[in-house]
PDB file of N, CA and C in Angstrom:
ATOM      1  N   UNK A   1      18.196  -0.447 -13.070  1.00  0.00           N
ATOM      2  CA  UNK A   1      19.026  -1.346 -14.038  1.00  0.00           C
ATOM      3  C   UNK A   1      19.413  -2.956 -13.401  1.00  0.00           C
ATOM      4  N   UNK A   2      18.745  -3.708 -14.483  1.00  0.00           N
ATOM      5  CA  UNK A   2      19.045  -4.880 -14.359  1.00  0.00           C
ATOM      6  C   UNK A   2      20.089  -5.594 -14.236  1.00  0.00           C
ATOM      7  N   UNK A   3      20.245  -6.734 -14.297  1.00  0.00           N
ATOM      8  CA  UNK A   3      21.669  -7.324 -14.326  1.00  0.00           C
ATOM      9  C   UNK A   3      21.724  -8.205 -15.592  1.00  0.00           C
ATOM     10  N   UNK A   4      23.269  -7.625 -15.773  1.00  0.00           N
ATOM     11  CA  UNK A   4      23.802  -8.033 -17.335  1.00  0.00           C
ATOM     12  C   UNK A   4      23.789  -9.042 -17.739  1.00  0.00           C
ATOM     13  N   UNK A   5      23.526  -9.851 -18.961  1.00  0.00           N
ATOM     14  CA  UNK A   5      23.185 -10.340 -19.822  1.00  0.00           C
ATOM     15  C   UNK A   5      23.841 -11.426 -20.087  1.00  0.00           C
ATOM     16  N   UNK A   6      23.833 -12.560 -20.520  1.00  0.00           N
ATOM     17  CA  UNK A   6      25.157 -13.428 -20.367  1.00  0.00           C
ATOM     18  C   UNK A   6      25.403 -13.609 -21.944  1.00  0.00           C
ATOM     19  N   UNK A   7      26.688 -13.319 -22.053  1.00  0.00           N
ATOM     20  CA  UNK A   7      27.572 -13.158 -23.921  1.00  0.00           C
ATOM     21  C   UNK A   7      26.796 -12.323 -24.511  1.00  0.00           C
ATOM     22  N   UNK A   8      25.751 -11.347 -23.933  1.00  0.00           N
ATOM     23  CA  UNK A   8      25.557 -10.637 -24.491  1.00  0.00           C
ATOM     24  C   UNK A   8      25.957  -9.114 -23.983  1.00  0.00           C
ATOM     25  N   UNK A   9      25.741  -7.257 -24.460  1.00  0.00           N
ATOM     26  CA  UNK A   9      25.830  -6.623 -23.935  1.00  0.00           C
ATOM     27  C   UNK A   9      24.321  -6.111 -23.799  1.00  0.00           C
ATOM     28  N   UNK A  10      24.421  -5.000 -22.784  1.00  0.00           N
ATOM     29  CA  UNK A  10      22.823  -4.721 -22.255  1.00  0.00           C
ATOM     30  C   UNK A  10      22.543  -5.192 -21.127  1.00  0.00           C
ATOM     31  N   UNK A  11      21.190  -5.165 -20.615  1.00  0.00           N
ATOM     32  CA  UNK A  11      20.776  -5.426 -18.987  1.00  0.00           C
ATOM     33  C   UNK A  11      19.740  -5.439 -19.274  1.00  0.00           C
ATOM     34  N   UNK A  12      18.949  -6.799 -18.730  1.00  0.00           N
ATOM     35  CA  UNK A  12      17.912  -6.831 -18.509  1.00  0.00           C
ATOM     36  C   UNK A  12      16.604  -6.322 -17.380  1.00  0.00           C
ATOM     37  N   UNK A  13      15.649  -6.318 -17.901  1.00  0.00           N
ATOM     38  CA  UNK A  13      14.466  -5.521 -16.813  1.00  0.00           C
ATOM     39  C   UNK A  13      13.973  -6.867 -15.824  1.00  0.00           C
ATOM     40  N   UNK A  14      13.509  -6.761 -14.462  1.00  0.00           N
ATOM     41  CA  UNK A  14      13.048  -8.181 -13.839  1.00  0.00           C
ATOM     42  C   UNK A  14      11.958  -7.236 -12.832  1.00  0.00           C
ATOM     43  N   UNK A  15      10.971  -7.286 -12.993  1.00  0.00           N
ATOM     44  CA  UNK A  15       9.691  -6.533 -12.285  1.00  0.00           C
ATOM     45  C   UNK A  15       9.371  -8.016 -11.416  1.00  0.00           C
ATOM     46  N   UNK A  16       9.522  -7.444 -10.081  1.00  0.00           N
ATOM     47  CA  UNK A  16       9.212  -8.227  -8.843  1.00  0.00           C
ATOM     48  C   UNK A  16       7.162  -7.596  -8.564  1.00  0.00           C
ATOM     49  N   UNK A  17       6.718  -8.416  -8.402  1.00  0.00           N
ATOM     50  CA  UNK A  17       5.040  -7.463  -7.583  1.00  0.00           C
ATOM     51  C   UNK A  17       5.373  -7.910  -6.456  1.00  0.00           C
ATOM     52  N   UNK A  18       5.038  -7.063  -5.607  1.00  0.00           N
ATOM     53  CA  UNK A  18       5.016  -6.721  -4.221  1.00  0.00           C
ATOM     54  C   UNK A  18       3.783  -6.090  -3.667  1.00  0.00           C
ATOM     55  N   UNK A  19       3.216  -7.168  -2.516  1.00  0.00           N
ATOM     56  CA  UNK A  19       2.238  -7.146  -1.868  1.00  0.00           C
ATOM     57  C   UNK A  19       2.485  -6.896  -0.560  1.00  0.00           C
ATOM     58  N   UNK A  20       1.745  -5.617  -0.298  1.00  0.00           N
ATOM     59  CA  UNK A  20       2.263  -4.672   1.354  1.00  0.00           C
ATOM     60  C   UNK A  20       1.076  -5.138   1.830  1.00  0.00           C
ATOM     61  N   UNK A  21       1.236  -5.820   2.977  1.00  0.00           N
ATOM     62  CA  UNK A  21       0.022  -5.763   3.830  1.00  0.00           C
ATOM     63  C   UNK A  21       0.226  -4.629   5.270  1.00  0.00           C
ATOM     64  N   UNK A  22      -0.376  -3.315   5.059  1.00  0.00           N
ATOM     65  CA  UNK A  22       0.079  -2.954   6.352  1.00  0.00           C
ATOM     66  C   UNK A  22      -0.903  -3.453   7.898  1.00  0.00           C
ATOM     67  N   UNK A  23      -0.617  -2.967   8.839  1.00  0.00           N
ATOM     68  CA  UNK A  23      -0.882  -3.917   9.759  1.00  0.00           C
ATOM     69  C   UNK A  23      -2.152  -2.034  10.314  1.00  0.00           C
ATOM     70  N   UNK A  24      -3.405  -2.872  10.814  1.00  0.00           N
ATOM     71  CA  UNK A  24      -4.664  -2.483  10.964  1.00  0.00           C
ATOM     72  C   UNK A  24      -4.959  -2.199  13.036  1.00  0.00           C
ATOM     73  N   UNK A  25      -4.663  -3.388  13.200  1.00  0.00           N
ATOM     74  CA  UNK A  25      -4.702  -3.011  14.288  1.00  0.00           C
ATOM     75  C   UNK A  25      -3.356  -2.921  15.132  1.00  0.00           C
ATOM     76  N   UNK A  26      -2.772  -2.136  15.829  1.00  0.00           N
ATOM     77  CA  UNK A  26      -1.857  -1.781  16.733  1.00  0.00           C
ATOM     78  C   UNK A  26      -1.943  -1.180  17.997  1.00  0.00           C
ATOM     79  N   UNK A  27      -1.276  -1.658  18.907  1.00  0.00           N
ATOM     80  CA  UNK A  27      -1.410  -1.666  20.469  1.00  0.00           C
ATOM     81  C   UNK A  27      -0.708  -0.404  20.681  1.00  0.00           C
ATOM     82  N   UNK A  28      -1.245   0.706  21.758  1.00  0.00           N
ATOM     83  CA  UNK A  28      -0.542   1.408  21.640  1.00  0.00           C
ATOM     84  C   UNK A  28       0.560   2.033  21.815  1.00  0.00           C
ATOM     85  N   UNK A  29       1.278   0.982  22.055  1.00  0.00           N
ATOM     86  CA  UNK A  29       3.114   1.201  22.127  1.00  0.00           C
ATOM     87  C   UNK A  29       3.755   1.054  20.714  1.00  0.00           C
ATOM     88  N   UNK A  30       2.810   0.374  20.223  1.00  0.00           N
ATOM     89  CA  UNK A  30       3.657  -0.058  18.809  1.00  0.00           C
ATOM     90  C   UNK A  30       3.327   1.253  18.033  1.00  0.00           C
ATOM     91  N   UNK A  31       1.603   1.680  18.167  1.00  0.00           N
ATOM     92  CA  UNK A  31       1.783   3.038  17.394  1.00  0.00           C
ATOM     93  C   UNK A  31       2.547   4.081  17.584  1.00  0.00           C
ATOM     94  N   UNK A  32       2.983   4.183  19.191  1.00  0.00           N
ATOM     95  CA  UNK A  32       4.039   5.287  19.511  1.00  0.00           C
ATOM     96  C   UNK A  32       5.062   5.210  18.460  1.00  0.00           C
ATOM     97  N   UNK A  33       5.320   3.323  19.025  1.00  0.00           N
ATOM     98  CA  UNK A  33       7.214   3.358  18.165  1.00  0.00           C
ATOM     99  C   UNK A  33       6.699   3.672  17.334  1.00  0.00           C
ATOM    100  N   UNK A  34       6.044   3.521  15.786  1.00  0.00           N
ATOM    101  CA  UNK A  34       5.772   3.668  14.701  1.00  0.00           C
ATOM    102  C   UNK A  34       6.242   5.091  14.543  1.00  0.00           C
ATOM    103  N   UNK A  35       5.543   6.208  15.434  1.00  0.00           N
ATOM    104  CA  UNK A  35       5.711   7.364  15.125  1.00  0.00           C
ATOM    105  C   UNK A  35       6.527   7.959  15.506  1.00  0.00           C
ATOM    106  N   UNK A  36       7.407   7.354  16.614  1.00  0.00           N
ATOM    107  CA  UNK A  36       8.329   7.948  16.704  1.00  0.00           C
ATOM    108  C   UNK A  36       9.549   7.595  15.579  1.00  0.00           C
ATOM    109  N   UNK A  37       9.734   6.579  14.945  1.00  0.00           N
ATOM    110  CA  UNK A  37      10.571   5.789  13.888  1.00  0.00           C
ATOM    111  C   UNK A  37      10.072   7.387  13.196  1.00  0.00           C
ATOM    112  N   UNK A  38       8.887   7.100  12.615  1.00  0.00           N
ATOM    113  CA  UNK A  38       8.638   8.366  11.682  1.00  0.00           C
ATOM    114  C   UNK A  38       9.100  10.062  11.713  1.00  0.00           C
ATOM    115  N   UNK A  39       9.390  10.291  13.181  1.00  0.00           N
ATOM    116  CA  UNK A  39       9.687  11.146  13.028  1.00  0.00           C
ATOM    117  C   UNK A  39      11.712  11.382  13.102  1.00  0.00           C
ATOM    118  N   UNK A  40      12.223  10.211  13.755  1.00  0.00           N
ATOM    119  CA  UNK A  40      13.479  10.247  14.008  1.00  0.00           C
ATOM    120  C   UNK A  40      13.903  10.184  12.373  1.00  0.00           C
ATOM    121  N   UNK A  41      13.263   9.747  11.111  1.00  0.00           N
ATOM    122  CA  UNK A  41      13.389  10.224   9.666  1.00  0.00           C
ATOM    123  C   UNK A  41      13.006  10.979   9.036  1.00  0.00           C
ATOM    124  N   UNK A  42      12.301  11.711   9.993  1.00  0.00           N
ATOM    125  CA  UNK A  42      11.927  13.402   9.106  1.00  0.00           C
ATOM    126  C   UNK A  42      10.355  12.963   8.081  1.00  0.00           C
ATOM    127  N   UNK A  43       9.752  12.005   8.952  1.00  0.00           N
ATOM    128  CA  UNK A  43       8.917  11.693   8.063  1.00  0.00           C
ATOM    129  C   UNK A  43       7.625  12.235   8.528  1.00  0.00           C
ATOM    130  N   UNK A  44       6.139  12.954   7.735  1.00  0.00           N
ATOM    131  CA  UNK A  44       5.256  13.285   8.352  1.00  0.00           C
ATOM    132  C   UNK A  44       4.285  11.731   8.744  1.00  0.00           C
ATOM    133  N   UNK A  45       3.557  11.977   9.383  1.00  0.00           N
ATOM    134  CA  UNK A  45       2.144  10.601   9.355  1.00  0.00           C
ATOM    135  C   UNK A  45       1.187  11.351   8.382  1.00  0.00           C
ATOM    136  N   UNK A  46       0.791  10.589   7.255  1.00  0.00           N
ATOM    137  CA  UNK A  46       0.032  10.328   6.276  1.00  0.00           C
ATOM    138  C   UNK A  46      -1.425  10.804   6.910  1.00  0.00           C
ATOM    139  N   UNK A  47      -2.427  11.588   6.575  1.00  0.00           N
ATOM    140  CA  UNK A  47      -4.027  11.336   6.815  1.00  0.00           C
ATOM    141  C   UNK A  47      -4.225  10.870   5.848  1.00  0.00           C
ATOM    142  N   UNK A  48      -5.459   9.411   6.564  1.00  0.00           N
ATOM    143  CA  UNK A  48      -5.914   9.067   5.629  1.00  0.00           C
ATOM    144  C   UNK A  48      -7.095   9.320   5.151  1.00  0.00           C
ATOM    145  N   UNK A  49      -7.776   9.451   3.804  1.00  0.00           N
ATOM    146  CA  UNK A  49      -8.788   9.872   3.554  1.00  0.00           C
ATOM    147  C   UNK A  49     -10.051   8.622   2.921  1.00  0.00           C
ATOM    148  N   UNK A  50     -11.191   9.107   3.305  1.00  0.00           N
ATOM    149  CA  UNK A  50     -11.747   7.182   2.952  1.00  0.00           C
ATOM    150  C   UNK A  50     -12.701   7.902   2.429  1.00  0.00           C
ATOM    151  N   UNK A  51     -13.210   6.704   1.643  1.00  0.00           N
ATOM    152  CA  UNK A  51     -14.290   7.430   0.644  1.00  0.00           C
ATOM    153  C   UNK A  51     -15.677   6.917   0.990  1.00  0.00           C
ATOM    154  N   UNK A  52     -16.948   8.246   0.537  1.00  0.00           N
ATOM    155  CA  UNK A  52     -18.075   7.817   1.028  1.00  0.00           C
ATOM    156  C   UNK A  52     -18.656   6.576   0.826  1.00  0.00           C
ATOM    157  N   UNK A  53     -19.061   6.244   2.323  1.00  0.00           N
ATOM    158  CA  UNK A  53     -19.667   4.580   1.507  1.00  0.00           C
ATOM    159  C   UNK A  53     -20.468   4.487   0.861  1.00  0.00           C
ATOM    160  N   UNK A  54     -20.803   3.351   0.213  1.00  0.00           N
ATOM    161  CA  UNK A  54     -21.612   3.339  -1.287  1.00  0.00           C
ATOM    162  C   UNK A  54     -22.336   4.052  -1.944  1.00  0.00           C
ATOM    163  N   UNK A  55     -20.947   5.471  -2.168  1.00  0.00           N
ATOM    164  CA  UNK A  55     -21.108   6.528  -3.226  1.00  0.00           C
ATOM    165  C   UNK A  55     -21.527   6.242  -4.561  1.00  0.00           C
ATOM    166  N   UNK A  56     -20.182   5.326  -4.501  1.00  0.00           N
ATOM    167  CA  UNK A  56     -19.842   4.553  -6.172  1.00  0.00           C
ATOM    168  C   UNK A  56     -20.601   4.148  -6.945  1.00  0.00           C
ATOM    169  N   UNK A  57     -20.420   3.822  -8.166  1.00  0.00           N
ATOM    170  CA  UNK A  57     -21.171   3.135  -9.396  1.00  0.00           C
ATOM    171  C   UNK A  57     -21.128   1.636  -8.738  1.00  0.00           C
ATOM    172  N   UNK A  58     -19.993   0.925  -8.466  1.00  0.00           N
ATOM    173  CA  UNK A  58     -19.876  -0.275  -8.496  1.00  0.00           C
ATOM    174  C   UNK A  58     -20.339  -0.540  -7.015  1.00  0.00           C
ATOM    175  N   UNK A  59     -20.031   0.156  -6.108  1.00  0.00           N
ATOM    176  CA  UNK A  59     -20.736  -0.292  -4.478  1.00  0.00           C
ATOM    177  C   UNK A  59     -22.308  -0.341  -4.482  1.00  0.00           C
ATOM    178  N   UNK A  60     -22.799   0.325  -5.728  1.00  0.00           N
ATOM    179  CA  UNK A  60     -24.267   0.639  -5.711  1.00  0.00           C
ATOM    180  C   UNK A  60     -24.690  -0.800  -6.919  1.00  0.00           C
ATOM    181  N   UNK A  61     -23.893  -0.953  -7.705  1.00  0.00           N
ATOM    182  CA  UNK A  61     -24.149  -2.068  -8.472  1.00  0.00           C
ATOM    183  C   UNK A  61     -23.676  -3.262  -7.509  1.00  0.00           C
ATOM    184  N   UNK A  62     -22.656  -3.485  -6.704  1.00  0.00           N
ATOM    185  CA  UNK A  62     -22.608  -5.091  -5.553  1.00  0.00           C
ATOM    186  C   UNK A  62     -23.856  -4.933  -5.154  1.00  0.00           C
ATOM    187  N   UNK A  63     -24.434  -3.474  -4.127  1.00  0.00           N
ATOM    188  CA  UNK A  63     -25.096  -3.798  -3.081  1.00  0.00           C
ATOM    189  C   UNK A  63     -26.917  -4.434  -3.778  1.00  0.00           C
ATOM    190  N   UNK A  64     -26.942  -4.259  -5.500  1.00  0.00           N
ATOM    191  CA  UNK A  64     -28.190  -4.464  -6.059  1.00  0.00           C
ATOM    192  C   UNK A  64     -27.986  -5.797  -6.329  1.00  0.00           C
ATOM    193  N   UNK A  65     -27.131  -6.380  -6.732  1.00  0.00           N
ATOM    194  CA  UNK A  65     -26.522  -7.725  -7.072  1.00  0.00           C
ATOM    195  C   UNK A  65     -26.653  -8.631  -5.828  1.00  0.00           C
ATOM    196  N   UNK A  66     -26.306  -7.649  -4.511  1.00  0.00           N
ATOM    197  CA  UNK A  66     -26.278  -8.923  -3.540  1.00  0.00           C
ATOM    198  C   UNK A  66     -27.935  -8.623  -2.792  1.00  0.00           C
ATOM    199  N   UNK A  67     -28.932  -7.637  -3.034  1.00  0.00           N
ATOM    200  CA  UNK A  67     -29.801  -7.622  -2.847  1.00  0.00           C
ATOM    201  C   UNK A  67     -29.885  -6.129  -1.624  1.00  0.00           C
ATOM    202  N   UNK A  68     -28.990  -5.917  -1.272  1.00  0.00           N
ATOM    203  CA  UNK A  68     -29.266  -4.731  -0.289  1.00  0.00           C
ATOM    204  C   UNK A  68     -30.119  -3.269  -0.622  1.00  0.00           C
TER     205      UNK A  68
END
């Protein structure tokens, strides 16, 4: 629900782009604390699924351009 428009009826829309950069290298204590927070919030730890390396069309095209 957006902010009310001045001297008009209705509400506007506001879209805000957000870049999220998750940490990649956590110390053991940091990982433990995040796991504890997730447990307290009733969240499950997501299981990451990685795509196979070099299997896609764009990866093969990129490798061909780079001469790999």
